């Protein structure tokens, strides 16, 4: 179906724009939040699941993201904490204290 009538197209564009400005993020955690020591709240959640021994696929499913996105966050954690392997990453998460920090409340 194609809509070509100029008045109807203009109306639909206006409705879309108004609804877009009123919209809220579907996954509020997916919105980029300030990081603490280079680690975002999303990466903190991923670190918690990593040390529980979950696979990338399980982590992605639990957090409602694509597996590639989860792997990207994991690689950023690896880079931030300076680990050489997944096992070492799990070992470095504990002394870093990132899991003990409470995410900052959004204002």
N, C-alpha and C. Protein backbone atom coordinates (compact mmCIF):
# COMPACT_ATOMS: atom_id res chain seq x y z
N UNK A 1 0.84 -1.17 0.00
CA UNK A 1 0.00 0.00 0.00
C UNK A 1 0.89 1.24 0.00
N UNK A 2 0.58 2.17 -0.86
CA UNK A 2 1.30 3.44 -0.93
C UNK A 2 0.34 4.57 -0.64
N UNK A 3 0.80 5.47 0.19
CA UNK A 3 0.00 6.66 0.50
C UNK A 3 0.69 7.83 -0.18
N UNK A 4 -0.05 8.50 -1.06
CA UNK A 4 0.54 9.60 -1.82
C UNK A 4 -0.19 10.92 -1.63
N UNK A 5 -1.35 10.90 -1.05
CA UNK A 5 -2.11 12.15 -0.89
C UNK A 5 -1.33 13.08 0.03
N UNK A 6 -0.99 14.29 -0.44
CA UNK A 6 -0.14 15.20 0.33
C UNK A 6 -0.68 15.53 1.73
N UNK A 7 -1.97 15.72 1.84
CA UNK A 7 -2.54 16.06 3.15
C UNK A 7 -2.42 14.89 4.12
N UNK A 8 -2.66 13.69 3.64
CA UNK A 8 -2.56 12.51 4.50
C UNK A 8 -1.11 12.24 4.89
N UNK A 9 -0.18 12.40 3.95
CA UNK A 9 1.24 12.23 4.26
C UNK A 9 1.68 13.25 5.30
N UNK A 10 1.28 14.50 5.14
CA UNK A 10 1.63 15.55 6.11
C UNK A 10 1.07 15.23 7.49
N UNK A 11 -0.16 14.75 7.53
CA UNK A 11 -0.78 14.38 8.81
C UNK A 11 -0.01 13.24 9.48
N UNK A 12 0.33 12.21 8.73
CA UNK A 12 1.05 11.07 9.29
C UNK A 12 2.44 11.48 9.78
N UNK A 13 3.10 12.36 9.06
CA UNK A 13 4.42 12.85 9.49
C UNK A 13 4.28 13.61 10.81
N UNK A 14 3.26 14.46 10.92
CA UNK A 14 3.03 15.22 12.15
C UNK A 14 2.74 14.29 13.33
N UNK A 15 1.90 13.30 13.11
CA UNK A 15 1.58 12.34 14.18
C UNK A 15 2.84 11.59 14.60
N UNK A 16 3.61 11.14 13.64
CA UNK A 16 4.85 10.42 13.95
C UNK A 16 5.79 11.29 14.77
N UNK A 17 6.01 12.53 14.34
CA UNK A 17 6.92 13.43 15.05
C UNK A 17 6.45 13.68 16.48
N UNK A 18 5.17 13.89 16.67
CA UNK A 18 4.66 14.13 18.03
C UNK A 18 4.82 12.90 18.91
N UNK A 19 4.52 11.74 18.38
CA UNK A 19 4.68 10.51 19.17
C UNK A 19 6.14 10.21 19.44
N UNK A 20 7.01 10.52 18.49
CA UNK A 20 8.44 10.28 18.66
C UNK A 20 8.97 11.10 19.84
N UNK A 21 8.54 12.34 19.94
CA UNK A 21 9.01 13.21 21.03
C UNK A 21 8.45 12.79 22.38
N UNK A 22 7.33 12.11 22.40
CA UNK A 22 6.73 11.64 23.66
C UNK A 22 7.23 10.26 24.07
N UNK A 23 7.91 9.59 23.16
CA UNK A 23 8.31 8.20 23.40
C UNK A 23 9.34 8.07 24.51
N UNK A 24 9.30 6.93 25.18
CA UNK A 24 10.28 6.57 26.20
C UNK A 24 11.09 5.39 25.69
N UNK A 25 12.35 5.26 26.10
CA UNK A 25 13.14 4.11 25.66
C UNK A 25 12.49 2.80 26.12
N UNK A 26 12.47 1.82 25.23
CA UNK A 26 11.89 0.53 25.57
C UNK A 26 12.70 -0.17 26.66
N UNK A 27 14.01 -0.08 26.55
CA UNK A 27 14.90 -0.65 27.54
C UNK A 27 15.73 0.49 28.11
N UNK A 28 15.33 1.00 29.25
CA UNK A 28 16.00 2.17 29.80
C UNK A 28 17.48 1.91 30.07
N UNK A 29 17.86 0.65 30.37
CA UNK A 29 19.27 0.36 30.61
C UNK A 29 20.09 0.45 29.33
N UNK A 30 19.42 0.35 28.19
CA UNK A 30 20.14 0.40 26.93
C UNK A 30 20.61 1.81 26.60
N UNK A 31 19.98 2.80 27.23
CA UNK A 31 20.39 4.18 27.02
C UNK A 31 21.76 4.36 27.66
N UNK A 32 22.68 4.96 26.93
CA UNK A 32 24.03 5.13 27.44
C UNK A 32 23.99 5.94 28.73
N UNK A 33 24.52 5.39 29.77
CA UNK A 33 24.58 6.05 31.07
C UNK A 33 26.02 6.36 31.40
N UNK A 34 26.22 7.35 32.27
CA UNK A 34 27.60 7.70 32.61
C UNK A 34 28.34 6.49 33.18
N UNK A 35 29.60 6.38 32.85
CA UNK A 35 30.37 5.26 33.34
C UNK A 35 31.18 5.65 34.56
N UNK A 36 31.47 4.66 35.36
CA UNK A 36 32.27 4.86 36.56
C UNK A 36 33.56 4.09 36.34
N UNK A 37 34.67 4.79 36.29
CA UNK A 37 35.98 4.19 36.01
C UNK A 37 35.98 3.46 34.67
N UNK A 38 35.23 3.97 33.71
CA UNK A 38 35.21 3.37 32.38
C UNK A 38 34.28 2.18 32.24
N UNK A 39 33.51 1.85 33.28
CA UNK A 39 32.61 0.69 33.24
C UNK A 39 31.18 1.18 33.40
N UNK A 40 30.37 0.90 32.39
CA UNK A 40 28.97 1.35 32.41
C UNK A 40 28.12 0.40 33.25
N UNK A 41 26.93 0.84 33.65
CA UNK A 41 26.02 -0.07 34.38
C UNK A 41 25.72 -1.34 33.59
N UNK A 42 25.62 -1.24 32.26
CA UNK A 42 25.35 -2.42 31.43
C UNK A 42 26.52 -3.39 31.53
N UNK A 43 27.74 -2.88 31.49
CA UNK A 43 28.92 -3.73 31.60
C UNK A 43 29.02 -4.34 32.99
N UNK A 44 28.56 -3.62 33.99
CA UNK A 44 28.54 -4.16 35.36
C UNK A 44 27.59 -5.36 35.42
N UNK A 45 26.43 -5.25 34.76
CA UNK A 45 25.48 -6.37 34.71
C UNK A 45 26.08 -7.56 33.99
N UNK A 46 26.79 -7.28 32.91
CA UNK A 46 27.43 -8.35 32.15
C UNK A 46 28.51 -9.02 32.98
N UNK A 47 29.29 -8.24 33.71
CA UNK A 47 30.35 -8.80 34.56
C UNK A 47 29.76 -9.73 35.61
N UNK A 48 28.62 -9.35 36.19
CA UNK A 48 27.98 -10.20 37.19
C UNK A 48 27.58 -11.54 36.59
N UNK A 49 27.03 -11.52 35.38
CA UNK A 49 26.63 -12.76 34.72
C UNK A 49 27.85 -13.58 34.28
N UNK A 50 28.92 -12.89 33.90
CA UNK A 50 30.14 -13.60 33.50
C UNK A 50 30.71 -14.41 34.65
N UNK A 51 30.78 -13.81 35.83
CA UNK A 51 31.40 -14.55 36.93
C UNK A 51 30.48 -15.64 37.47
N UNK A 52 29.20 -15.61 37.06
CA UNK A 52 28.31 -16.73 37.38
C UNK A 52 28.52 -17.88 36.39
N UNK A 53 29.32 -17.64 35.35
CA UNK A 53 29.65 -18.70 34.40
C UNK A 53 28.75 -18.79 33.19
N UNK A 54 27.97 -17.77 32.91
CA UNK A 54 27.05 -17.81 31.77
C UNK A 54 27.78 -17.58 30.45
N UNK A 55 27.25 -18.16 29.40
CA UNK A 55 27.80 -17.99 28.06
C UNK A 55 27.38 -16.63 27.50
N UNK A 56 28.03 -16.22 26.43
CA UNK A 56 27.68 -14.96 25.78
C UNK A 56 26.22 -14.96 25.34
N UNK A 57 25.76 -16.08 24.81
CA UNK A 57 24.38 -16.20 24.34
C UNK A 57 23.40 -16.03 25.49
N UNK A 58 23.67 -16.67 26.62
CA UNK A 58 22.79 -16.56 27.78
C UNK A 58 22.79 -15.14 28.31
N UNK A 59 23.95 -14.51 28.37
CA UNK A 59 24.05 -13.13 28.84
C UNK A 59 23.22 -12.22 27.94
N UNK A 60 23.36 -12.39 26.63
CA UNK A 60 22.60 -11.57 25.68
C UNK A 60 21.10 -11.78 25.86
N UNK A 61 20.67 -13.03 26.03
CA UNK A 61 19.25 -13.31 26.22
C UNK A 61 18.72 -12.68 27.50
N UNK A 62 19.47 -12.82 28.57
CA UNK A 62 19.03 -12.28 29.86
C UNK A 62 18.93 -10.76 29.87
N UNK A 63 19.81 -10.11 29.12
CA UNK A 63 19.83 -8.65 29.12
C UNK A 63 19.11 -8.05 27.91
N UNK A 64 18.52 -8.91 27.09
CA UNK A 64 17.72 -8.43 25.96
C UNK A 64 18.53 -7.73 24.89
N UNK A 65 19.67 -8.32 24.54
CA UNK A 65 20.52 -7.71 23.52
C UNK A 65 21.00 -8.78 22.55
N UNK A 66 21.60 -8.35 21.49
CA UNK A 66 22.19 -9.24 20.50
C UNK A 66 23.48 -9.83 21.06
N UNK A 67 23.82 -11.03 20.65
CA UNK A 67 25.05 -11.69 21.13
C UNK A 67 26.28 -10.86 20.75
N UNK A 68 26.27 -10.27 19.57
CA UNK A 68 27.42 -9.45 19.15
C UNK A 68 27.58 -8.23 20.05
N UNK A 69 26.46 -7.66 20.49
CA UNK A 69 26.52 -6.51 21.40
C UNK A 69 27.09 -6.94 22.74
N UNK A 70 26.65 -8.10 23.23
CA UNK A 70 27.18 -8.61 24.50
C UNK A 70 28.69 -8.83 24.38
N UNK A 71 29.13 -9.39 23.27
CA UNK A 71 30.56 -9.63 23.08
C UNK A 71 31.35 -8.32 22.99
N UNK A 72 30.73 -7.31 22.41
CA UNK A 72 31.38 -6.00 22.35
C UNK A 72 31.58 -5.44 23.76
N UNK A 73 30.54 -5.55 24.60
CA UNK A 73 30.66 -5.08 25.99
C UNK A 73 31.71 -5.89 26.75
N UNK A 74 31.74 -7.19 26.51
CA UNK A 74 32.74 -8.04 27.17
C UNK A 74 34.15 -7.63 26.75
N UNK A 75 34.33 -7.34 25.46
CA UNK A 75 35.66 -6.93 25.00
C UNK A 75 36.06 -5.58 25.60
N UNK A 76 35.09 -4.70 25.82
CA UNK A 76 35.39 -3.42 26.47
C UNK A 76 35.77 -3.64 27.94
N UNK A 77 35.11 -4.60 28.59
CA UNK A 77 35.48 -4.95 29.97
C UNK A 77 36.90 -5.50 30.00
N UNK A 78 37.22 -6.38 29.06
CA UNK A 78 38.56 -6.97 28.97
C UNK A 78 39.60 -5.86 28.83
N UNK A 79 39.31 -4.91 27.95
CA UNK A 79 40.24 -3.80 27.71
C UNK A 79 40.36 -2.90 28.95
N UNK A 80 39.23 -2.58 29.58
CA UNK A 80 39.25 -1.70 30.74
C UNK A 80 40.00 -2.31 31.92
N UNK A 81 39.76 -3.60 32.16
CA UNK A 81 40.39 -4.26 33.31
C UNK A 81 41.76 -4.83 32.97
N UNK A 82 42.12 -4.86 31.70
CA UNK A 82 43.44 -5.31 31.29
C UNK A 82 43.65 -6.81 31.39
N UNK A 83 42.63 -7.58 31.09
CA UNK A 83 42.79 -9.04 31.18
C UNK A 83 43.20 -9.61 29.82
N UNK A 84 43.76 -10.81 29.87
CA UNK A 84 44.19 -11.49 28.65
C UNK A 84 43.25 -12.62 28.25
N UNK A 85 42.35 -13.01 29.15
CA UNK A 85 41.45 -14.12 28.86
C UNK A 85 40.15 -13.93 29.64
N UNK A 86 39.18 -14.74 29.28
CA UNK A 86 37.89 -14.68 29.96
C UNK A 86 38.03 -15.10 31.43
N UNK A 87 38.85 -16.11 31.68
CA UNK A 87 39.06 -16.57 33.05
C UNK A 87 39.72 -15.48 33.88
N UNK A 88 40.70 -14.82 33.30
CA UNK A 88 41.37 -13.74 34.02
C UNK A 88 40.41 -12.57 34.24
N UNK A 89 39.52 -12.33 33.30
CA UNK A 89 38.53 -11.27 33.46
C UNK A 89 37.67 -11.54 34.69
N UNK A 90 37.21 -12.79 34.83
CA UNK A 90 36.43 -13.16 36.01
C UNK A 90 37.21 -12.95 37.29
N UNK A 91 38.49 -13.25 37.24
CA UNK A 91 39.35 -13.08 38.41
C UNK A 91 39.54 -11.60 38.74
N UNK A 92 39.66 -10.75 37.72
CA UNK A 92 39.90 -9.33 37.92
C UNK A 92 38.65 -8.55 38.33
N UNK A 93 37.48 -9.08 38.02
CA UNK A 93 36.24 -8.39 38.36
C UNK A 93 36.09 -8.26 39.87
N UNK A 94 36.40 -9.31 40.61
CA UNK A 94 36.22 -9.29 42.07
C UNK A 94 37.03 -8.20 42.76
N UNK A 95 38.35 -8.13 42.56
CA UNK A 95 39.10 -7.09 43.27
C UNK A 95 38.82 -5.67 42.76
N UNK A 96 38.28 -5.55 41.54
CA UNK A 96 38.01 -4.21 41.01
C UNK A 96 36.89 -3.53 41.77
N UNK A 97 36.01 -4.33 42.39
CA UNK A 97 34.91 -3.78 43.17
C UNK A 97 33.74 -3.26 42.35
N UNK A 98 33.73 -3.53 41.05
CA UNK A 98 32.65 -2.98 40.22
C UNK A 98 31.29 -3.58 40.55
N UNK A 99 31.28 -4.79 41.09
CA UNK A 99 29.99 -5.41 41.40
C UNK A 99 29.43 -4.90 42.72
N UNK A 100 30.26 -4.31 43.56
CA UNK A 100 29.80 -3.81 44.85
C UNK A 100 29.17 -2.44 44.73
N UNK A 101 29.49 -1.73 43.67
CA UNK A 101 28.96 -0.38 43.49
C UNK A 101 27.52 -0.44 43.05
N UNK A 102 26.71 0.42 43.64
CA UNK A 102 25.32 0.53 43.22
C UNK A 102 25.25 1.48 42.03
N UNK A 103 24.47 1.14 41.03
CA UNK A 103 24.31 2.06 39.91
C UNK A 103 23.73 3.38 40.41
N UNK A 104 24.22 4.47 39.85
CA UNK A 104 23.74 5.78 40.25
C UNK A 104 22.32 5.97 39.77
N UNK A 105 21.49 6.58 40.63
CA UNK A 105 20.10 6.84 40.27
C UNK A 105 20.05 7.94 39.22
N UNK A 106 19.19 7.77 38.26
CA UNK A 106 19.02 8.79 37.22
C UNK A 106 18.11 9.87 37.74
N UNK A 107 18.46 11.10 37.43
CA UNK A 107 17.66 12.23 37.90
C UNK A 107 16.69 12.66 36.84
